[in-house]
Amino acid sequence: MVKQTIQIFARVKPTVRKQPQGIYSIDEDEKVTPSLEIILPRDLADGFVNNKRESYRFKFQRIFDQDTNQETIFENIAKPVAER
């Protein structure tokens, strides 16, 4: 018997500056599950056709942005689990 389903969270952290950065957006509409969209621009080098996917969308119970501190993460994720 399962008491509660598995919850999935996302935390967006800054990337290393040497790596090319993707663009992301967080959609936290209260009516639907929050989603994270990551956009990786295609390489247009040398004029070759590039059919790689450019946009990826994932759904989570909650998404924490880059400015979220470790204490907030603990209070929302680890503490409720430890109190059971």
PDB file of N, CA and C in Angstrom:
ATOM      1  N   MET A   1       0.839  -1.173   0.000  1.00  0.00           N
ATOM      2  CA  MET A   1       0.000   0.000   0.000  1.00  0.00           C
ATOM      3  C   MET A   1       0.892   1.247   0.000  1.00  0.00           C
ATOM      4  N   VAL A   2       0.645   2.150  -0.934  1.00  0.00           N
ATOM      5  CA  VAL A   2       1.446   3.360  -1.084  1.00  0.00           C
ATOM      6  C   VAL A   2       0.743   4.522  -0.391  1.00  0.00           C
ATOM      7  N   LYS A   3       1.467   5.202   0.483  1.00  0.00           N
ATOM      8  CA  LYS A   3       0.879   6.337   1.197  1.00  0.00           C
ATOM      9  C   LYS A   3       0.941   7.616   0.378  1.00  0.00           C
ATOM     10  N   GLN A   4       2.031   7.812  -0.358  1.00  0.00           N
ATOM     11  CA  GLN A   4       2.181   9.029  -1.141  1.00  0.00           C
ATOM     12  C   GLN A   4       3.014   8.724  -2.377  1.00  0.00           C
ATOM     13  N   THR A   5       2.727   9.411  -3.471  1.00  0.00           N
ATOM     14  CA  THR A   5       3.482   9.190  -4.701  1.00  0.00           C
ATOM     15  C   THR A   5       4.853   9.864  -4.619  1.00  0.00           C
ATOM     16  N   ILE A   6       5.711   9.494  -5.520  1.00  0.00           N
ATOM     17  CA  ILE A   6       7.042  10.096  -5.590  1.00  0.00           C
ATOM     18  C   ILE A   6       6.908  11.519  -6.110  1.00  0.00           C
ATOM     19  N   GLN A   7       7.592  12.436  -5.459  1.00  0.00           N
ATOM     20  CA  GLN A   7       7.578  13.830  -5.899  1.00  0.00           C
ATOM     21  C   GLN A   7       8.892  14.148  -6.598  1.00  0.00           C
ATOM     22  N   ILE A   8       8.809  14.938  -7.661  1.00  0.00           N
ATOM     23  CA  ILE A   8       9.999  15.290  -8.430  1.00  0.00           C
ATOM     24  C   ILE A   8      10.137  16.805  -8.441  1.00  0.00           C
ATOM     25  N   PHE A   9      11.327  17.264  -8.050  1.00  0.00           N
ATOM     26  CA  PHE A   9      11.625  18.692  -7.983  1.00  0.00           C
ATOM     27  C   PHE A   9      12.774  19.006  -8.934  1.00  0.00           C
ATOM     28  N   ALA A  10      12.872  20.271  -9.331  1.00  0.00           N
ATOM     29  CA  ALA A  10      13.998  20.725 -10.161  1.00  0.00           C
ATOM     30  C   ALA A  10      14.628  21.936  -9.511  1.00  0.00           C
ATOM     31  N   ARG A  11      15.946  22.012  -9.612  1.00  0.00           N
ATOM     32  CA  ARG A  11      16.668  23.185  -9.136  1.00  0.00           C
ATOM     33  C   ARG A  11      17.579  23.641 -10.262  1.00  0.00           C
ATOM     34  N   VAL A  12      17.372  24.870 -10.727  1.00  0.00           N
ATOM     35  CA  VAL A  12      18.189  25.427 -11.798  1.00  0.00           C
ATOM     36  C   VAL A  12      19.397  26.082 -11.160  1.00  0.00           C
ATOM     37  N   LYS A  13      20.576  25.631 -11.535  1.00  0.00           N
ATOM     38  CA  LYS A  13      21.814  26.177 -10.985  1.00  0.00           C
ATOM     39  C   LYS A  13      22.590  26.858 -12.104  1.00  0.00           C
ATOM     40  N   PRO A  14      23.349  27.900 -11.769  1.00  0.00           N
ATOM     41  CA  PRO A  14      24.154  28.577 -12.805  1.00  0.00           C
ATOM     42  C   PRO A  14      25.159  27.609 -13.430  1.00  0.00           C
ATOM     43  N   THR A  15      25.410  27.783 -14.725  1.00  0.00           N
ATOM     44  CA  THR A  15      26.364  26.920 -15.414  1.00  0.00           C
ATOM     45  C   THR A  15      27.762  27.521 -15.330  1.00  0.00           C
ATOM     46  N   VAL A  16      28.741  26.704 -15.639  1.00  0.00           N
ATOM     47  CA  VAL A  16      30.115  27.182 -15.715  1.00  0.00           C
ATOM     48  C   VAL A  16      30.196  28.135 -16.911  1.00  0.00           C
ATOM     49  N   ARG A  17      30.869  29.229 -16.761  1.00  0.00           N
ATOM     50  CA  ARG A  17      30.886  30.262 -17.807  1.00  0.00           C
ATOM     51  C   ARG A  17      31.558  29.820 -19.103  1.00  0.00           C
ATOM     52  N   LYS A  18      32.408  28.816 -19.067  1.00  0.00           N
ATOM     53  CA  LYS A  18      33.097  28.356 -20.270  1.00  0.00           C
ATOM     54  C   LYS A  18      32.159  27.600 -21.205  1.00  0.00           C
ATOM     55  N   GLN A  19      31.090  27.048 -20.668  1.00  0.00           N
ATOM     56  CA  GLN A  19      30.152  26.276 -21.471  1.00  0.00           C
ATOM     57  C   GLN A  19      29.104  27.209 -22.077  1.00  0.00           C
ATOM     58  N   PRO A  20      28.640  26.889 -23.293  1.00  0.00           N
ATOM     59  CA  PRO A  20      27.551  27.690 -23.859  1.00  0.00           C
ATOM     60  C   PRO A  20      26.277  27.478 -23.038  1.00  0.00           C
ATOM     61  N   GLN A  21      25.583  28.543 -22.757  1.00  0.00           N
ATOM     62  CA  GLN A  21      24.396  28.456 -21.907  1.00  0.00           C
ATOM     63  C   GLN A  21      23.141  28.313 -22.748  1.00  0.00           C
ATOM     64  N   GLY A  22      22.245  27.470 -22.274  1.00  0.00           N
ATOM     65  CA  GLY A  22      20.942  27.351 -22.887  1.00  0.00           C
ATOM     66  C   GLY A  22      20.010  28.381 -22.260  1.00  0.00           C
ATOM     67  N   ILE A  23      18.928  28.630 -22.902  1.00  0.00           N
ATOM     68  CA  ILE A  23      17.927  29.554 -22.394  1.00  0.00           C
ATOM     69  C   ILE A  23      16.834  28.713 -21.757  1.00  0.00           C
ATOM     70  N   TYR A  24      16.338  29.150 -20.608  1.00  0.00           N
ATOM     71  CA  TYR A  24      15.283  28.385 -19.964  1.00  0.00           C
ATOM     72  C   TYR A  24      14.170  29.316 -19.507  1.00  0.00           C
ATOM     73  N   SER A  25      12.998  28.741 -19.328  1.00  0.00           N
ATOM     74  CA  SER A  25      11.874  29.490 -18.764  1.00  0.00           C
ATOM     75  C   SER A  25      11.093  28.549 -17.848  1.00  0.00           C
ATOM     76  N   ILE A  26      10.556  29.144 -16.794  1.00  0.00           N
ATOM     77  CA  ILE A  26       9.775  28.384 -15.815  1.00  0.00           C
ATOM     78  C   ILE A  26       8.333  28.851 -15.904  1.00  0.00           C
ATOM     79  N   ASP A  27       7.427  27.905 -16.117  1.00  0.00           N
ATOM     80  CA  ASP A  27       6.001  28.212 -16.186  1.00  0.00           C
ATOM     81  C   ASP A  27       5.344  27.649 -14.932  1.00  0.00           C
ATOM     82  N   GLU A  28       4.996  28.526 -13.988  1.00  0.00           N
ATOM     83  CA  GLU A  28       4.399  28.086 -12.726  1.00  0.00           C
ATOM     84  C   GLU A  28       2.945  28.545 -12.621  1.00  0.00           C
ATOM     85  N   ASP A  29       2.151  28.196 -13.619  1.00  0.00           N
ATOM     86  CA  ASP A  29       0.732  28.503 -13.590  1.00  0.00           C
ATOM     87  C   ASP A  29       0.089  27.669 -12.487  1.00  0.00           C
ATOM     88  N   GLU A  30      -0.718  28.288 -11.651  1.00  0.00           N
ATOM     89  CA  GLU A  30      -1.311  27.591 -10.501  1.00  0.00           C
ATOM     90  C   GLU A  30      -2.298  26.497 -10.908  1.00  0.00           C
ATOM     91  N   LYS A  31      -2.829  26.546 -12.113  1.00  0.00           N
ATOM     92  CA  LYS A  31      -3.841  25.581 -12.544  1.00  0.00           C
ATOM     93  C   LYS A  31      -3.226  24.281 -13.059  1.00  0.00           C
ATOM     94  N   VAL A  32      -1.966  24.328 -13.493  1.00  0.00           N
ATOM     95  CA  VAL A  32      -1.317  23.132 -14.040  1.00  0.00           C
ATOM     96  C   VAL A  32      -0.002  22.866 -13.302  1.00  0.00           C
ATOM     97  N   THR A  33       0.578  21.715 -13.565  1.00  0.00           N
ATOM     98  CA  THR A  33       1.855  21.343 -12.969  1.00  0.00           C
ATOM     99  C   THR A  33       2.952  22.267 -13.507  1.00  0.00           C
ATOM    100  N   PRO A  34       3.830  22.779 -12.634  1.00  0.00           N
ATOM    101  CA  PRO A  34       4.912  23.651 -13.108  1.00  0.00           C
ATOM    102  C   PRO A  34       5.801  22.939 -14.132  1.00  0.00           C
ATOM    103  N   SER A  35       6.243  23.682 -15.143  1.00  0.00           N
ATOM    104  CA  SER A  35       7.093  23.073 -16.161  1.00  0.00           C
ATOM    105  C   SER A  35       8.320  23.944 -16.415  1.00  0.00           C
ATOM    106  N   LEU A  36       9.379  23.278 -16.833  1.00  0.00           N
ATOM    107  CA  LEU A  36      10.648  23.916 -17.137  1.00  0.00           C
ATOM    108  C   LEU A  36      10.932  23.660 -18.603  1.00  0.00           C
ATOM    109  N   GLU A  37      11.137  24.740 -19.368  1.00  0.00           N
ATOM    110  CA  GLU A  37      11.462  24.602 -20.786  1.00  0.00           C
ATOM    111  C   GLU A  37      12.899  25.049 -20.993  1.00  0.00           C
ATOM    112  N   ILE A  38      13.680  24.205 -21.641  1.00  0.00           N
ATOM    113  CA  ILE A  38      15.072  24.503 -21.939  1.00  0.00           C
ATOM    114  C   ILE A  38      15.223  24.601 -23.448  1.00  0.00           C
ATOM    115  N   ILE A  39      15.807  25.713 -23.900  1.00  0.00           N
ATOM    116  CA  ILE A  39      15.996  25.930 -25.329  1.00  0.00           C
ATOM    117  C   ILE A  39      17.493  25.926 -25.622  1.00  0.00           C
ATOM    118  N   LEU A  40      17.914  25.020 -26.484  1.00  0.00           N
ATOM    119  CA  LEU A  40      19.307  24.925 -26.905  1.00  0.00           C
ATOM    120  C   LEU A  40      19.380  25.328 -28.372  1.00  0.00           C
ATOM    121  N   PRO A  41      19.897  26.521 -28.655  1.00  0.00           N
ATOM    122  CA  PRO A  41      19.940  26.991 -30.053  1.00  0.00           C
ATOM    123  C   PRO A  41      20.745  26.040 -30.938  1.00  0.00           C
ATOM    124  N   ARG A  42      20.287  25.886 -32.146  1.00  0.00           N
ATOM    125  CA  ARG A  42      20.967  25.015 -33.103  1.00  0.00           C
ATOM    126  C   ARG A  42      22.253  25.680 -33.574  1.00  0.00           C
ATOM    127  N   ASP A  43      23.226  24.842 -33.910  1.00  0.00           N
ATOM    128  CA  ASP A  43      24.469  25.337 -34.483  1.00  0.00           C
ATOM    129  C   ASP A  43      24.245  25.597 -35.966  1.00  0.00           C
ATOM    130  N   LEU A  44      24.462  26.813 -36.407  1.00  0.00           N
ATOM    131  CA  LEU A  44      24.251  27.133 -37.809  1.00  0.00           C
ATOM    132  C   LEU A  44      25.575  27.161 -38.576  1.00  0.00           C
ATOM    133  N   ALA A  45      26.610  26.592 -37.992  1.00  0.00           N
ATOM    134  CA  ALA A  45      27.934  26.624 -38.608  1.00  0.00           C
ATOM    135  C   ALA A  45      27.969  25.823 -39.905  1.00  0.00           C
ATOM    136  N   ASP A  46      28.742  26.297 -40.862  1.00  0.00           N
ATOM    137  CA  ASP A  46      29.037  25.621 -42.129  1.00  0.00           C
ATOM    138  C   ASP A  46      27.824  25.404 -43.023  1.00  0.00           C
ATOM    139  N   GLY A  47      26.664  25.919 -42.694  1.00  0.00           N
ATOM    140  CA  GLY A  47      25.509  25.831 -43.570  1.00  0.00           C
ATOM    141  C   GLY A  47      24.879  24.448 -43.670  1.00  0.00           C
ATOM    142  N   PHE A  48      25.260  23.506 -42.796  1.00  0.00           N
ATOM    143  CA  PHE A  48      24.668  22.171 -42.824  1.00  0.00           C
ATOM    144  C   PHE A  48      23.277  22.201 -42.196  1.00  0.00           C
ATOM    145  N   VAL A  49      22.422  21.296 -42.634  1.00  0.00           N
ATOM    146  CA  VAL A  49      21.092  21.173 -42.054  1.00  0.00           C
ATOM    147  C   VAL A  49      21.235  20.516 -40.680  1.00  0.00           C
ATOM    148  N   ASN A  50      20.612  21.119 -39.677  1.00  0.00           N
ATOM    149  CA  ASN A  50      20.690  20.588 -38.320  1.00  0.00           C
ATOM    150  C   ASN A  50      19.270  20.295 -37.862  1.00  0.00           C
ATOM    151  N   ASN A  51      18.935  19.026 -37.733  1.00  0.00           N
ATOM    152  CA  ASN A  51      17.579  18.637 -37.352  1.00  0.00           C
ATOM    153  C   ASN A  51      17.456  18.266 -35.884  1.00  0.00           C
ATOM    154  N   LYS A  52      18.407  18.705 -35.073  1.00  0.00           N
ATOM    155  CA  LYS A  52      18.337  18.422 -33.642  1.00  0.00           C
ATOM    156  C   LYS A  52      17.167  19.155 -33.015  1.00  0.00           C
ATOM    157  N   ARG A  53      16.654  18.582 -31.956  1.00  0.00           N
ATOM    158  CA  ARG A  53      15.597  19.239 -31.188  1.00  0.00           C
ATOM    159  C   ARG A  53      16.136  20.502 -30.565  1.00  0.00           C
ATOM    160  N   GLU A  54      15.322  21.524 -30.514  1.00  0.00           N
ATOM    161  CA  GLU A  54      15.760  22.801 -29.973  1.00  0.00           C
ATOM    162  C   GLU A  54      15.115  23.107 -28.627  1.00  0.00           C
ATOM    163  N   SER A  55      13.966  22.535 -28.360  1.00  0.00           N
ATOM    164  CA  SER A  55      13.210  22.861 -27.153  1.00  0.00           C
ATOM    165  C   SER A  55      12.858  21.579 -26.389  1.00  0.00           C
ATOM    166  N   TYR A  56      13.092  21.608 -25.087  1.00  0.00           N
ATOM    167  CA  TYR A  56      12.776  20.479 -24.214  1.00  0.00           C
ATOM    168  C   TYR A  56      11.905  20.987 -23.067  1.00  0.00           C
ATOM    169  N   ARG A  57      10.817  20.302 -22.757  1.00  0.00           N
ATOM    170  CA  ARG A  57       9.915  20.716 -21.680  1.00  0.00           C
ATOM    171  C   ARG A  57       9.732  19.551 -20.704  1.00  0.00           C
ATOM    172  N   PHE A  58       9.905  19.872 -19.398  1.00  0.00           N
ATOM    173  CA  PHE A  58       9.786  18.872 -18.341  1.00  0.00           C
ATOM    174  C   PHE A  58       8.831  19.385 -17.269  1.00  0.00           C
ATOM    175  N   LYS A  59       8.077  18.492 -16.645  1.00  0.00           N
ATOM    176  CA  LYS A  59       7.139  18.872 -15.584  1.00  0.00           C
ATOM    177  C   LYS A  59       7.648  18.390 -14.236  1.00  0.00           C
ATOM    178  N   PHE A  60       7.441  19.217 -13.200  1.00  0.00           N
ATOM    179  CA  PHE A  60       7.884  18.914 -11.843  1.00  0.00           C
ATOM    180  C   PHE A  60       6.810  19.349 -10.852  1.00  0.00           C
ATOM    181  N   GLN A  61       6.888  18.835  -9.616  1.00  0.00           N
ATOM    182  CA  GLN A  61       5.970  19.306  -8.576  1.00  0.00           C
ATOM    183  C   GLN A  61       6.308  20.748  -8.198  1.00  0.00           C
ATOM    184  N   ARG A  62       7.606  21.060  -8.181  1.00  0.00           N
ATOM    185  CA  ARG A  62       8.029  22.421  -7.860  1.00  0.00           C
ATOM    186  C   ARG A  62       9.385  22.660  -8.510  1.00  0.00           C
ATOM    187  N   ILE A  63       9.602  23.901  -8.960  1.00  0.00           N
ATOM    188  CA  ILE A  63      10.857  24.265  -9.602  1.00  0.00           C
ATOM    189  C   ILE A  63      11.484  25.409  -8.818  1.00  0.00           C
ATOM    190  N   PHE A  64      12.755  25.244  -8.473  1.00  0.00           N
ATOM    191  CA  PHE A  64      13.490  26.273  -7.747  1.00  0.00           C
ATOM    192  C   PHE A  64      14.452  26.942  -8.719  1.00  0.00           C
ATOM    193  N   ASP A  65      14.404  28.272  -8.796  1.00  0.00           N
ATOM    194  CA  ASP A  65      15.228  29.028  -9.732  1.00  0.00           C
ATOM    195  C   ASP A  65      16.643  29.226  -9.186  1.00  0.00           C
ATOM    196  N   GLN A  66      17.491  29.896  -9.936  1.00  0.00           N
ATOM    197  CA  GLN A  66      18.897  30.082  -9.586  1.00  0.00           C
ATOM    198  C   GLN A  66      19.115  30.830  -8.279  1.00  0.00           C
ATOM    199  N   ASP A  67      18.200  31.684  -7.918  1.00  0.00           N
ATOM    200  CA  ASP A  67      18.391  32.500  -6.710  1.00  0.00           C
ATOM    201  C   ASP A  67      17.901  31.825  -5.430  1.00  0.00           C
ATOM    202  N   THR A  68      17.432  30.595  -5.510  1.00  0.00           N
ATOM    203  CA  THR A  68      16.957  29.874  -4.333  1.00  0.00           C
ATOM    204  C   THR A  68      18.137  29.394  -3.500  1.00  0.00           C
ATOM    205  N   ASN A  69      18.077  29.653  -2.184  1.00  0.00           N
ATOM    206  CA  ASN A  69      19.193  29.245  -1.323  1.00  0.00           C
ATOM    207  C   ASN A  69      18.981  27.821  -0.796  1.00  0.00           C
ATOM    208  N   GLN A  70      20.027  27.272  -0.192  1.00  0.00           N
ATOM    209  CA  GLN A  70      20.008  25.889   0.283  1.00  0.00           C
ATOM    210  C   GLN A  70      18.987  25.675   1.408  1.00  0.00           C
ATOM    211  N   GLU A  71      18.785  26.677   2.241  1.00  0.00           N
ATOM    212  CA  GLU A  71      17.824  26.562   3.340  1.00  0.00           C
ATOM    213  C   GLU A  71      16.400  26.380   2.810  1.00  0.00           C
ATOM    214  N   THR A  72      16.048  27.116   1.771  1.00  0.00           N
ATOM    215  CA  THR A  72      14.715  26.984   1.166  1.00  0.00           C
ATOM    216  C   THR A  72      14.533  25.590   0.565  1.00  0.00           C
ATOM    217  N   ILE A  73      15.572  25.082  -0.067  1.00  0.00           N
ATOM    218  CA  ILE A  73      15.519  23.725  -0.631  1.00  0.00           C
ATOM    219  C   ILE A  73      15.280  22.711   0.483  1.00  0.00           C
ATOM    220  N   PHE A  74      16.030  22.835   1.567  1.00  0.00           N
ATOM    221  CA  PHE A  74      15.878  21.911   2.698  1.00  0.00           C
ATOM    222  C   PHE A  74      14.475  21.981   3.286  1.00  0.00           C
ATOM    223  N   GLU A  75      13.963  23.176   3.525  1.00  0.00           N
ATOM    224  CA  GLU A  75      12.637  23.353   4.135  1.00  0.00           C
ATOM    225  C   GLU A  75      11.525  22.745   3.281  1.00  0.00           C
ATOM    226  N   ASN A  76      11.658  22.814   1.974  1.00  0.00           N
ATOM    227  CA  ASN A  76      10.598  22.346   1.080  1.00  0.00           C
ATOM    228  C   ASN A  76      10.719  20.896   0.655  1.00  0.00           C
ATOM    229  N   ILE A  77      11.931  20.345   0.682  1.00  0.00           N
ATOM    230  CA  ILE A  77      12.117  18.982   0.182  1.00  0.00           C
ATOM    231  C   ILE A  77      12.525  18.010   1.289  1.00  0.00           C
ATOM    232  N   ALA A  78      13.634  18.268   1.941  1.00  0.00           N
ATOM    233  CA  ALA A  78      14.187  17.297   2.896  1.00  0.00           C
ATOM    234  C   ALA A  78      13.442  17.275   4.236  1.00  0.00           C
ATOM    235  N   LYS A  79      13.060  18.414   4.747  1.00  0.00           N
ATOM    236  CA  LYS A  79      12.426  18.460   6.059  1.00  0.00           C
ATOM    237  C   LYS A  79      11.105  17.677   6.104  1.00  0.00           C
ATOM    238  N   PRO A  80      10.204  17.836   5.122  1.00  0.00           N
ATOM    239  CA  PRO A  80       8.974  17.041   5.171  1.00  0.00           C
ATOM    240  C   PRO A  80       9.221  15.527   5.141  1.00  0.00           C
ATOM    241  N   VAL A  81      10.277  15.097   4.452  1.00  0.00           N
ATOM    242  CA  VAL A  81      10.604  13.674   4.396  1.00  0.00           C
ATOM    243  C   VAL A  81      11.132  13.198   5.744  1.00  0.00           C
ATOM    244  N   ALA A  82      11.979  14.004   6.384  1.00  0.00           N
ATOM    245  CA  ALA A  82      12.583  13.640   7.662  1.00  0.00           C
ATOM    246  C   ALA A  82      11.549  13.624   8.791  1.00  0.00           C
ATOM    247  N   GLU A  83      10.495  14.405   8.673  1.00  0.00           N
ATOM    248  CA  GLU A  83       9.487  14.492   9.735  1.00  0.00           C
ATOM    249  C   GLU A  83       8.486  13.336   9.704  1.00  0.00           C
ATOM    250  N   ARG A  84       8.505  12.510   8.697  1.00  0.00           N
ATOM    251  CA  ARG A  84       7.535  11.394   8.607  1.00  0.00           C
ATOM    252  C   ARG A  84       7.854  10.301   9.552  1.00  0.00           C
TER     253      ARG A  84
END
